[in-house]
Structure formats: C-alpha cells, structure tokens
Amino acid sequence: MNHSNLAHIKSSKFSEQSEETTMNITLREAIIQRVTDKNDDELTGIIEDSVGGAEQVLPGLGVLFEIIWQHSEKSAQSQMVTALKEHLA
C-alpha cells in the first residue's frame, strides 16, 4: 500500500436528500479529531493505552508525536533524540 492510500479513510456514510455522500477525511485529521478537547488525564490515558499496544495504533502515536515535535523547543527535540538513541543502543 502506498502512503496516499493510507492517508485517507472513509468515514461515516450518510444520506442527504436521497443522495448517498461519503465523507473522506485523512487519517491524521481523524486522529486529531479523536483527541481534540481531551483533558490531560484523557490524553495521558490514550498515550499509555497505545504504547506497546497493537500495531494499528502506531499511526495514531505517530500523529501525536508529530504534534509534540512540531511544538517543542530545539532543546526538547534534542532530549527526545538523545533518549531515543540511548534506548536503541
């Protein structure tokens, strides 16, 4: 499967004025929608339940990590890279 196939998921089908319409959202958008407006405890629970879990949760963790990375200072990014490097050795 290529990346573009994985990037889109079909969401709920609904009927509007006798016409069937399919709403397409990206996987990234679906994951972000799932965690939007969660409080700290809920976000922590989502992350803790996902870490070490089934492989299907890995894209979600990737999206969450992407958000963390994009909004982290360079020093925090460096710490994350160092931690990763130490645990891969």
N, C-alpha and C. Protein backbone atom coordinates (compact mmCIF):
# COMPACT_ATOMS: atom_id res chain seq x y z
N MET A 1 0.84 -1.18 0.00
CA MET A 1 0.00 0.00 0.00
C MET A 1 0.88 1.24 0.00
N ASN A 2 0.50 2.22 -0.79
CA ASN A 2 1.30 3.44 -0.75
C ASN A 2 0.73 4.40 0.27
N HIS A 3 1.51 5.44 0.56
CA HIS A 3 1.17 6.39 1.61
C HIS A 3 -0.17 7.07 1.35
N SER A 4 -0.46 7.39 0.10
CA SER A 4 -1.71 8.10 -0.18
C SER A 4 -2.92 7.22 0.11
N ASN A 5 -2.80 5.89 -0.08
CA ASN A 5 -3.89 5.01 0.26
C ASN A 5 -4.12 4.97 1.76
N LEU A 6 -3.04 5.05 2.53
CA LEU A 6 -3.17 5.04 3.98
C LEU A 6 -3.63 6.37 4.52
N ALA A 7 -3.41 7.43 3.76
CA ALA A 7 -3.70 8.78 4.24
C ALA A 7 -5.19 9.09 4.27
N HIS A 8 -6.01 8.32 3.57
CA HIS A 8 -7.44 8.60 3.55
C HIS A 8 -8.23 7.42 4.08
N ILE A 9 -9.14 7.71 4.95
CA ILE A 9 -10.06 6.70 5.42
C ILE A 9 -11.46 7.19 5.12
N LYS A 10 -12.31 6.26 4.87
CA LYS A 10 -13.70 6.65 4.63
C LYS A 10 -14.41 6.68 5.97
N SER A 11 -15.05 7.77 6.21
CA SER A 11 -15.79 7.95 7.45
C SER A 11 -17.25 7.61 7.19
N SER A 12 -18.07 7.96 8.11
CA SER A 12 -19.47 7.57 8.07
C SER A 12 -20.15 7.96 6.76
N LYS A 13 -20.93 7.02 6.25
CA LYS A 13 -21.74 7.30 5.07
C LYS A 13 -23.08 7.82 5.55
N PHE A 14 -23.58 8.79 4.88
CA PHE A 14 -24.88 9.31 5.26
C PHE A 14 -25.66 9.68 4.01
N SER A 15 -26.96 9.72 4.18
CA SER A 15 -27.83 10.04 3.06
C SER A 15 -28.35 11.45 3.23
N GLU A 16 -28.27 12.21 2.18
CA GLU A 16 -28.74 13.59 2.22
C GLU A 16 -29.61 13.82 0.99
N GLN A 17 -30.89 14.06 1.21
CA GLN A 17 -31.86 14.26 0.14
C GLN A 17 -31.75 13.16 -0.91
N SER A 18 -31.84 11.91 -0.46
CA SER A 18 -31.83 10.72 -1.31
C SER A 18 -30.52 10.49 -2.04
N GLU A 19 -29.52 11.26 -1.75
CA GLU A 19 -28.23 11.10 -2.42
C GLU A 19 -27.21 10.64 -1.40
N GLU A 20 -26.55 9.50 -1.69
CA GLU A 20 -25.55 8.99 -0.76
C GLU A 20 -24.25 9.76 -0.96
N THR A 21 -23.71 10.26 0.14
CA THR A 21 -22.47 11.01 0.12
C THR A 21 -21.49 10.35 1.07
N THR A 22 -20.24 10.26 0.68
CA THR A 22 -19.21 9.71 1.55
C THR A 22 -18.29 10.83 1.97
N MET A 23 -18.07 10.97 3.27
CA MET A 23 -17.18 11.99 3.78
C MET A 23 -15.78 11.37 3.88
N ASN A 24 -14.82 11.96 3.23
CA ASN A 24 -13.44 11.50 3.31
C ASN A 24 -12.64 12.45 4.18
N ILE A 25 -11.95 11.89 5.15
CA ILE A 25 -11.05 12.69 5.95
C ILE A 25 -9.72 11.94 6.01
N THR A 26 -8.66 12.67 6.20
CA THR A 26 -7.37 12.00 6.28
C THR A 26 -7.26 11.28 7.61
N LEU A 27 -6.39 10.30 7.65
CA LEU A 27 -6.13 9.58 8.88
C LEU A 27 -5.64 10.55 9.96
N ARG A 28 -4.77 11.46 9.57
CA ARG A 28 -4.26 12.46 10.50
C ARG A 28 -5.41 13.27 11.11
N GLU A 29 -6.33 13.73 10.26
CA GLU A 29 -7.47 14.52 10.73
C GLU A 29 -8.36 13.70 11.68
N ALA A 30 -8.57 12.44 11.34
CA ALA A 30 -9.40 11.58 12.19
C ALA A 30 -8.77 11.40 13.57
N ILE A 31 -7.46 11.23 13.60
CA ILE A 31 -6.76 11.06 14.87
C ILE A 31 -6.83 12.34 15.69
N ILE A 32 -6.60 13.46 15.02
CA ILE A 32 -6.65 14.75 15.71
C ILE A 32 -8.06 15.00 16.26
N GLN A 33 -9.08 14.68 15.49
CA GLN A 33 -10.46 14.85 15.96
C GLN A 33 -10.71 13.99 17.20
N ARG A 34 -10.14 12.79 17.22
CA ARG A 34 -10.36 11.88 18.35
C ARG A 34 -9.77 12.43 19.65
N VAL A 35 -8.69 13.17 19.57
CA VAL A 35 -8.04 13.66 20.80
C VAL A 35 -8.32 15.13 21.12
N THR A 36 -8.95 15.81 20.19
CA THR A 36 -9.27 17.22 20.43
C THR A 36 -10.23 17.35 21.61
N ASP A 37 -9.97 18.33 22.44
CA ASP A 37 -10.80 18.64 23.61
C ASP A 37 -10.69 17.62 24.74
N LYS A 38 -9.69 16.73 24.67
CA LYS A 38 -9.45 15.80 25.78
C LYS A 38 -8.66 16.53 26.86
N ASN A 39 -8.92 16.18 28.11
CA ASN A 39 -8.15 16.80 29.18
C ASN A 39 -6.82 16.06 29.36
N ASP A 40 -5.98 16.54 30.25
CA ASP A 40 -4.65 15.96 30.44
C ASP A 40 -4.72 14.48 30.79
N ASP A 41 -5.63 14.12 31.69
CA ASP A 41 -5.74 12.71 32.10
C ASP A 41 -6.20 11.82 30.94
N GLU A 42 -7.12 12.32 30.14
CA GLU A 42 -7.61 11.56 28.99
C GLU A 42 -6.50 11.37 27.95
N LEU A 43 -5.73 12.44 27.68
CA LEU A 43 -4.62 12.34 26.73
C LEU A 43 -3.56 11.36 27.24
N THR A 44 -3.26 11.45 28.53
CA THR A 44 -2.29 10.52 29.12
C THR A 44 -2.79 9.09 28.97
N GLY A 45 -4.05 8.86 29.23
CA GLY A 45 -4.63 7.52 29.09
C GLY A 45 -4.56 7.00 27.68
N ILE A 46 -4.85 7.85 26.71
CA ILE A 46 -4.78 7.44 25.31
C ILE A 46 -3.36 7.02 24.96
N ILE A 47 -2.39 7.83 25.38
CA ILE A 47 -0.98 7.52 25.07
C ILE A 47 -0.56 6.24 25.78
N GLU A 48 -0.85 6.14 27.08
CA GLU A 48 -0.43 4.96 27.83
C GLU A 48 -1.09 3.68 27.32
N ASP A 49 -2.35 3.76 26.91
CA ASP A 49 -3.04 2.59 26.37
C ASP A 49 -2.48 2.19 25.01
N SER A 50 -1.95 3.16 24.28
CA SER A 50 -1.45 2.90 22.93
C SER A 50 -0.01 2.39 22.92
N VAL A 51 0.82 2.88 23.83
CA VAL A 51 2.23 2.48 23.86
C VAL A 51 2.32 1.00 24.18
N GLY A 52 3.00 0.27 23.31
CA GLY A 52 3.15 -1.17 23.50
C GLY A 52 1.92 -1.95 23.09
N GLY A 53 0.94 -1.27 22.54
CA GLY A 53 -0.30 -1.92 22.14
C GLY A 53 -0.20 -2.51 20.74
N ALA A 54 -1.34 -2.73 20.17
CA ALA A 54 -1.43 -3.32 18.84
C ALA A 54 -0.81 -2.39 17.80
N GLU A 55 -0.32 -2.98 16.73
CA GLU A 55 0.36 -2.20 15.69
C GLU A 55 -0.56 -1.20 15.00
N GLN A 56 -1.87 -1.44 15.02
CA GLN A 56 -2.77 -0.50 14.35
C GLN A 56 -2.80 0.86 15.04
N VAL A 57 -2.33 0.96 16.29
CA VAL A 57 -2.32 2.26 16.97
C VAL A 57 -1.07 3.08 16.63
N LEU A 58 -0.11 2.48 15.97
CA LEU A 58 1.14 3.19 15.67
C LEU A 58 0.94 4.45 14.84
N PRO A 59 0.07 4.47 13.84
CA PRO A 59 -0.15 5.73 13.12
C PRO A 59 -0.66 6.84 14.05
N GLY A 60 -1.51 6.50 14.99
CA GLY A 60 -2.01 7.49 15.93
C GLY A 60 -0.91 8.05 16.80
N LEU A 61 -0.05 7.18 17.29
CA LEU A 61 1.09 7.64 18.08
C LEU A 61 2.00 8.51 17.24
N GLY A 62 2.15 8.16 15.97
CA GLY A 62 2.97 8.96 15.07
C GLY A 62 2.41 10.37 14.89
N VAL A 63 1.11 10.48 14.76
CA VAL A 63 0.48 11.80 14.62
C VAL A 63 0.67 12.60 15.91
N LEU A 64 0.49 11.95 17.05
CA LEU A 64 0.68 12.65 18.32
C LEU A 64 2.13 13.09 18.48
N PHE A 65 3.07 12.21 18.11
CA PHE A 65 4.48 12.58 18.20
C PHE A 65 4.79 13.74 17.26
N GLU A 66 4.21 13.71 16.08
CA GLU A 66 4.41 14.80 15.12
C GLU A 66 3.99 16.15 15.72
N ILE A 67 2.84 16.16 16.40
CA ILE A 67 2.36 17.40 17.02
C ILE A 67 3.31 17.83 18.12
N ILE A 68 3.73 16.88 18.96
CA ILE A 68 4.67 17.20 20.04
C ILE A 68 5.96 17.76 19.46
N TRP A 69 6.49 17.11 18.45
CA TRP A 69 7.76 17.52 17.83
C TRP A 69 7.66 18.93 17.26
N GLN A 70 6.58 19.18 16.53
CA GLN A 70 6.40 20.49 15.88
C GLN A 70 6.26 21.63 16.88
N HIS A 71 5.82 21.33 18.09
CA HIS A 71 5.59 22.37 19.08
C HIS A 71 6.58 22.32 20.23
N SER A 72 7.69 21.64 20.03
CA SER A 72 8.74 21.55 21.06
C SER A 72 9.91 22.45 20.70
N GLU A 73 10.53 22.98 21.73
CA GLU A 73 11.75 23.76 21.55
C GLU A 73 12.86 22.84 21.05
N LYS A 74 13.87 23.42 20.43
CA LYS A 74 15.01 22.64 19.92
C LYS A 74 15.66 21.81 21.03
N SER A 75 15.76 22.37 22.23
CA SER A 75 16.39 21.64 23.34
C SER A 75 15.56 20.40 23.71
N ALA A 76 14.24 20.51 23.69
CA ALA A 76 13.38 19.36 23.98
C ALA A 76 13.49 18.32 22.86
N GLN A 77 13.56 18.78 21.61
CA GLN A 77 13.74 17.85 20.49
C GLN A 77 15.06 17.09 20.64
N SER A 78 16.09 17.80 21.03
CA SER A 78 17.40 17.18 21.23
C SER A 78 17.33 16.12 22.34
N GLN A 79 16.62 16.42 23.42
CA GLN A 79 16.45 15.45 24.51
C GLN A 79 15.71 14.21 24.03
N MET A 80 14.70 14.39 23.21
CA MET A 80 13.95 13.25 22.68
C MET A 80 14.83 12.38 21.79
N VAL A 81 15.63 13.02 20.94
CA VAL A 81 16.54 12.28 20.07
C VAL A 81 17.57 11.53 20.90
N THR A 82 18.11 12.17 21.93
CA THR A 82 19.09 11.52 22.80
C THR A 82 18.46 10.32 23.51
N ALA A 83 17.26 10.48 24.04
CA ALA A 83 16.57 9.37 24.71
C ALA A 83 16.33 8.22 23.74
N LEU A 84 15.91 8.54 22.54
CA LEU A 84 15.68 7.50 21.53
C LEU A 84 16.98 6.78 21.21
N LYS A 85 18.00 7.54 20.96
CA LYS A 85 19.30 6.96 20.61
C LYS A 85 19.82 6.05 21.72
N GLU A 86 19.69 6.47 22.99
CA GLU A 86 20.15 5.67 24.13
C GLU A 86 19.37 4.36 24.25
N HIS A 87 18.09 4.40 23.92
CA HIS A 87 17.26 3.20 24.06
C HIS A 87 17.32 2.28 22.86
N LEU A 88 17.91 2.74 21.79
CA LEU A 88 18.12 1.89 20.60
C LEU A 88 19.46 1.20 20.63
N ALA A 89 20.35 1.67 21.49
CA ALA A 89 21.70 1.12 21.56
C ALA A 89 21.71 -0.23 22.25
